[in-house]
């Protein structure tokens, strides 16, 4: 079984790493697979720390400036931002 459409929110990278470890442990116990290659990290309220490595199932998770979650693109930055460009294009095509 695979896990998808999960968002983890943390006030710190240390807290996020703890949550990733919990997901890894839960996955092993319940036979659920998390794919680190399909997982992404995003910072809101600061800059992405590109030298900081966070792990999911002992594999590196990539830092990104734009992450798609449930059809909406979230943007990294000082404040919460979303990119609706793709959504607007789809709605325009449906008219």
N, C-alpha and C. Protein backbone atom coordinates (compact mmCIF):
# COMPACT_ATOMS: atom_id res chain seq x y z
N UNK A 1 0.84 -1.16 0.00
CA UNK A 1 0.00 0.00 0.00
C UNK A 1 0.90 1.24 0.00
N UNK A 2 0.44 2.28 -0.67
CA UNK A 2 1.21 3.52 -0.75
C UNK A 2 0.49 4.64 -0.02
N UNK A 3 1.26 5.56 0.52
CA UNK A 3 0.70 6.74 1.20
C UNK A 3 0.84 7.93 0.25
N UNK A 4 -0.23 8.69 0.09
CA UNK A 4 -0.14 9.90 -0.72
C UNK A 4 -1.07 10.96 -0.16
N UNK A 5 -0.92 12.17 -0.69
CA UNK A 5 -1.74 13.31 -0.27
C UNK A 5 -1.65 13.59 1.23
N UNK A 6 -0.45 13.47 1.77
CA UNK A 6 -0.22 13.78 3.17
C UNK A 6 0.62 15.05 3.25
N UNK A 7 0.22 15.98 4.09
CA UNK A 7 1.01 17.19 4.33
C UNK A 7 1.41 17.21 5.80
N UNK A 8 2.68 17.42 6.05
CA UNK A 8 3.19 17.56 7.41
C UNK A 8 3.58 19.02 7.60
N UNK A 9 3.12 19.64 8.67
CA UNK A 9 3.44 21.03 8.96
C UNK A 9 4.18 21.10 10.28
N UNK A 10 5.28 21.84 10.29
CA UNK A 10 6.07 21.96 11.51
C UNK A 10 6.64 23.37 11.61
N UNK A 11 6.83 23.82 12.84
CA UNK A 11 7.43 25.12 13.09
C UNK A 11 8.95 25.09 13.04
N UNK A 12 9.53 23.90 12.87
CA UNK A 12 10.99 23.79 12.81
C UNK A 12 11.39 22.60 11.97
N UNK A 13 12.61 22.63 11.46
CA UNK A 13 13.12 21.50 10.69
C UNK A 13 13.33 20.28 11.59
N UNK A 14 13.72 20.52 12.82
CA UNK A 14 13.90 19.41 13.78
C UNK A 14 12.57 18.71 14.01
N UNK A 15 11.51 19.50 14.19
CA UNK A 15 10.18 18.91 14.38
C UNK A 15 9.71 18.16 13.15
N UNK A 16 10.00 18.70 11.97
CA UNK A 16 9.62 18.04 10.73
C UNK A 16 10.36 16.71 10.59
N UNK A 17 11.65 16.69 10.93
CA UNK A 17 12.40 15.43 10.85
C UNK A 17 11.82 14.40 11.79
N UNK A 18 11.37 14.82 12.97
CA UNK A 18 10.73 13.88 13.91
C UNK A 18 9.45 13.30 13.29
N UNK A 19 8.66 14.16 12.63
CA UNK A 19 7.43 13.68 11.99
C UNK A 19 7.75 12.73 10.84
N UNK A 20 8.79 13.02 10.08
CA UNK A 20 9.19 12.11 8.99
C UNK A 20 9.61 10.75 9.56
N UNK A 21 10.30 10.76 10.68
CA UNK A 21 10.70 9.50 11.33
C UNK A 21 9.47 8.72 11.81
N UNK A 22 8.48 9.43 12.35
CA UNK A 22 7.24 8.77 12.77
C UNK A 22 6.55 8.13 11.58
N UNK A 23 6.51 8.84 10.46
CA UNK A 23 5.90 8.28 9.24
C UNK A 23 6.64 7.03 8.80
N UNK A 24 7.98 7.09 8.83
CA UNK A 24 8.77 5.92 8.43
C UNK A 24 8.48 4.73 9.33
N UNK A 25 8.46 4.96 10.65
CA UNK A 25 8.18 3.87 11.60
C UNK A 25 6.77 3.32 11.39
N UNK A 26 5.78 4.20 11.24
CA UNK A 26 4.40 3.78 11.02
C UNK A 26 4.29 2.97 9.73
N UNK A 27 4.97 3.43 8.70
CA UNK A 27 4.94 2.72 7.42
C UNK A 27 5.47 1.30 7.53
N UNK A 28 6.58 1.15 8.26
CA UNK A 28 7.15 -0.19 8.44
C UNK A 28 6.19 -1.08 9.23
N UNK A 29 5.57 -0.54 10.27
CA UNK A 29 4.66 -1.33 11.11
C UNK A 29 3.38 -1.71 10.38
N UNK A 30 2.90 -0.84 9.49
CA UNK A 30 1.60 -1.06 8.84
C UNK A 30 1.72 -1.39 7.36
N UNK A 31 2.93 -1.67 6.89
CA UNK A 31 3.18 -2.03 5.50
C UNK A 31 2.67 -0.96 4.53
N UNK A 32 2.99 0.29 4.85
CA UNK A 32 2.66 1.43 3.98
C UNK A 32 3.97 2.02 3.50
N UNK A 33 4.05 2.30 2.21
CA UNK A 33 5.29 2.83 1.65
C UNK A 33 5.18 4.33 1.39
N UNK A 34 6.17 5.05 1.87
CA UNK A 34 6.32 6.47 1.55
C UNK A 34 7.46 6.57 0.54
N UNK A 35 7.25 7.31 -0.52
CA UNK A 35 8.27 7.43 -1.56
C UNK A 35 9.00 8.77 -1.41
N UNK A 36 10.23 8.76 -0.90
CA UNK A 36 10.97 10.01 -0.73
C UNK A 36 11.21 10.74 -2.05
N UNK A 37 11.27 10.02 -3.16
CA UNK A 37 11.48 10.68 -4.47
C UNK A 37 10.24 11.46 -4.91
N UNK A 38 9.07 11.10 -4.39
CA UNK A 38 7.84 11.82 -4.72
C UNK A 38 7.45 12.78 -3.60
N UNK A 39 8.29 12.90 -2.59
CA UNK A 39 8.04 13.79 -1.46
C UNK A 39 8.86 15.06 -1.65
N UNK A 40 8.34 16.17 -1.13
CA UNK A 40 9.02 17.45 -1.29
C UNK A 40 8.92 18.26 -0.02
N UNK A 41 9.91 19.12 0.19
CA UNK A 41 9.95 20.02 1.34
C UNK A 41 9.81 21.45 0.87
N UNK A 42 9.13 22.27 1.66
CA UNK A 42 8.88 23.66 1.32
C UNK A 42 8.89 24.48 2.60
N UNK A 43 9.51 25.65 2.55
CA UNK A 43 9.55 26.54 3.71
C UNK A 43 8.61 27.71 3.49
N UNK A 44 7.80 28.00 4.49
CA UNK A 44 6.96 29.20 4.49
C UNK A 44 7.36 29.99 5.73
N UNK A 45 7.72 31.25 5.53
CA UNK A 45 8.15 32.09 6.64
C UNK A 45 9.65 32.32 6.65
N UNK A 46 10.33 31.80 5.67
CA UNK A 46 11.79 31.97 5.57
C UNK A 46 12.27 31.35 4.27
N UNK A 47 13.57 31.19 4.16
CA UNK A 47 14.15 30.58 2.97
C UNK A 47 14.36 29.09 3.18
N UNK A 48 14.28 28.33 2.09
CA UNK A 48 14.59 26.91 2.18
C UNK A 48 16.05 26.76 2.60
N UNK A 49 16.33 25.91 3.58
CA UNK A 49 17.73 25.67 3.98
C UNK A 49 18.35 24.58 3.10
N UNK A 50 18.94 24.94 1.95
CA UNK A 50 19.36 23.94 0.97
C UNK A 50 20.43 22.98 1.48
N UNK A 51 21.19 23.36 2.50
CA UNK A 51 22.24 22.48 3.00
C UNK A 51 21.73 21.51 4.06
N UNK A 52 20.50 21.71 4.53
CA UNK A 52 19.91 20.84 5.54
C UNK A 52 19.27 19.63 4.86
N UNK A 53 19.64 18.46 5.28
CA UNK A 53 19.10 17.22 4.69
C UNK A 53 18.11 16.61 5.68
N UNK A 54 16.88 16.43 5.21
CA UNK A 54 15.87 15.72 5.99
C UNK A 54 15.63 14.38 5.31
N UNK A 55 15.37 13.35 6.12
CA UNK A 55 15.28 11.99 5.61
C UNK A 55 13.90 11.38 5.85
N UNK A 56 13.46 10.62 4.86
CA UNK A 56 12.25 9.80 4.95
C UNK A 56 12.65 8.39 4.54
N UNK A 57 12.48 7.44 5.40
CA UNK A 57 12.96 6.07 5.16
C UNK A 57 14.45 6.06 4.81
N UNK A 58 15.21 6.88 5.54
CA UNK A 58 16.67 6.99 5.36
C UNK A 58 17.09 7.48 3.99
N UNK A 59 16.19 8.17 3.30
CA UNK A 59 16.50 8.74 1.98
C UNK A 59 16.23 10.23 2.00
N UNK A 60 17.06 10.97 1.29
CA UNK A 60 16.99 12.43 1.22
C UNK A 60 15.68 12.88 0.57
N UNK A 61 15.03 13.90 1.16
CA UNK A 61 13.83 14.51 0.60
C UNK A 61 14.23 15.87 0.04
N UNK A 62 13.79 16.17 -1.16
CA UNK A 62 14.20 17.37 -1.90
C UNK A 62 13.49 18.64 -1.43
N UNK A 63 14.27 19.72 -1.27
CA UNK A 63 13.70 21.05 -1.01
C UNK A 63 13.25 21.65 -2.33
N UNK A 64 12.08 22.30 -2.34
CA UNK A 64 11.52 22.88 -3.56
C UNK A 64 11.02 24.30 -3.28
N UNK A 65 10.85 25.08 -4.33
CA UNK A 65 10.28 26.41 -4.18
C UNK A 65 8.80 26.41 -4.56
N UNK A 66 8.34 25.31 -5.16
CA UNK A 66 6.94 25.18 -5.59
C UNK A 66 6.52 23.73 -5.43
N UNK A 67 5.44 23.50 -4.70
CA UNK A 67 4.98 22.13 -4.43
C UNK A 67 3.50 22.03 -4.78
N UNK A 68 3.13 20.99 -5.53
CA UNK A 68 1.72 20.76 -5.85
C UNK A 68 1.11 19.88 -4.77
N UNK A 69 0.01 20.36 -4.18
CA UNK A 69 -0.70 19.59 -3.16
C UNK A 69 -2.19 19.70 -3.42
N UNK A 70 -2.82 18.58 -3.69
CA UNK A 70 -4.26 18.51 -3.98
C UNK A 70 -4.67 19.49 -5.08
N UNK A 71 -3.83 19.58 -6.11
CA UNK A 71 -4.15 20.39 -7.29
C UNK A 71 -3.79 21.86 -7.18
N UNK A 72 -3.26 22.28 -6.05
CA UNK A 72 -2.89 23.68 -5.85
C UNK A 72 -1.39 23.75 -5.64
N UNK A 73 -0.76 24.76 -6.23
CA UNK A 73 0.68 24.94 -6.07
C UNK A 73 0.96 25.90 -4.93
N UNK A 74 1.71 25.42 -3.93
CA UNK A 74 2.16 26.24 -2.81
C UNK A 74 3.56 26.75 -3.15
N UNK A 75 3.84 28.00 -2.80
CA UNK A 75 5.12 28.62 -3.12
C UNK A 75 5.90 28.90 -1.84
N UNK A 76 7.20 28.61 -1.87
CA UNK A 76 8.06 28.91 -0.75
C UNK A 76 8.25 30.41 -0.64
N UNK A 77 8.42 30.92 0.57
CA UNK A 77 8.68 32.33 0.74
C UNK A 77 8.39 32.81 2.15
N UNK A 78 8.44 34.11 2.31
CA UNK A 78 8.24 34.74 3.63
C UNK A 78 6.79 34.64 4.11
N UNK A 79 5.83 34.55 3.17
CA UNK A 79 4.42 34.44 3.52
C UNK A 79 3.79 33.28 2.75
N UNK A 80 2.59 32.90 3.14
CA UNK A 80 1.87 31.83 2.44
C UNK A 80 1.43 32.36 1.08
N UNK A 81 1.82 31.65 0.02
CA UNK A 81 1.44 32.04 -1.33
C UNK A 81 1.02 30.80 -2.10
N UNK A 82 0.05 30.98 -2.99
CA UNK A 82 -0.34 29.89 -3.88
C UNK A 82 -0.27 30.38 -5.32
N UNK A 83 -0.01 29.46 -6.22
CA UNK A 83 0.06 29.76 -7.64
C UNK A 83 -1.15 29.10 -8.30
N UNK A 84 -2.08 29.92 -8.78
CA UNK A 84 -3.30 29.40 -9.41
C UNK A 84 -3.23 29.42 -10.94
N UNK A 85 -2.03 29.66 -11.49
CA UNK A 85 -1.89 29.77 -12.94
C UNK A 85 -2.44 28.55 -13.66
N UNK A 86 -2.04 27.36 -13.25
CA UNK A 86 -2.49 26.13 -13.91
C UNK A 86 -4.00 25.97 -13.74
N UNK A 87 -4.51 26.20 -12.55
CA UNK A 87 -5.95 26.09 -12.28
C UNK A 87 -6.73 27.06 -13.15
N UNK A 88 -6.25 28.29 -13.25
CA UNK A 88 -6.93 29.29 -14.08
C UNK A 88 -6.92 28.88 -15.55
N UNK A 89 -5.82 28.31 -16.02
CA UNK A 89 -5.74 27.86 -17.41
C UNK A 89 -6.75 26.75 -17.68
N UNK A 90 -6.88 25.82 -16.75
CA UNK A 90 -7.84 24.72 -16.92
C UNK A 90 -9.26 25.26 -16.94
N UNK A 91 -9.57 26.17 -16.01
CA UNK A 91 -10.91 26.75 -15.99
C UNK A 91 -11.20 27.53 -17.27
N UNK A 92 -10.21 28.23 -17.78
CA UNK A 92 -10.38 28.99 -19.02
C UNK A 92 -10.68 28.04 -20.18
N UNK A 93 -9.98 26.90 -20.24
CA UNK A 93 -10.20 25.93 -21.31
C UNK A 93 -11.58 25.29 -21.24
N UNK A 94 -12.13 25.16 -20.04
CA UNK A 94 -13.43 24.54 -19.86
C UNK A 94 -14.58 25.46 -20.23
N UNK A 95 -14.32 26.75 -20.38
CA UNK A 95 -15.39 27.70 -20.72
C UNK A 95 -15.79 27.59 -22.16
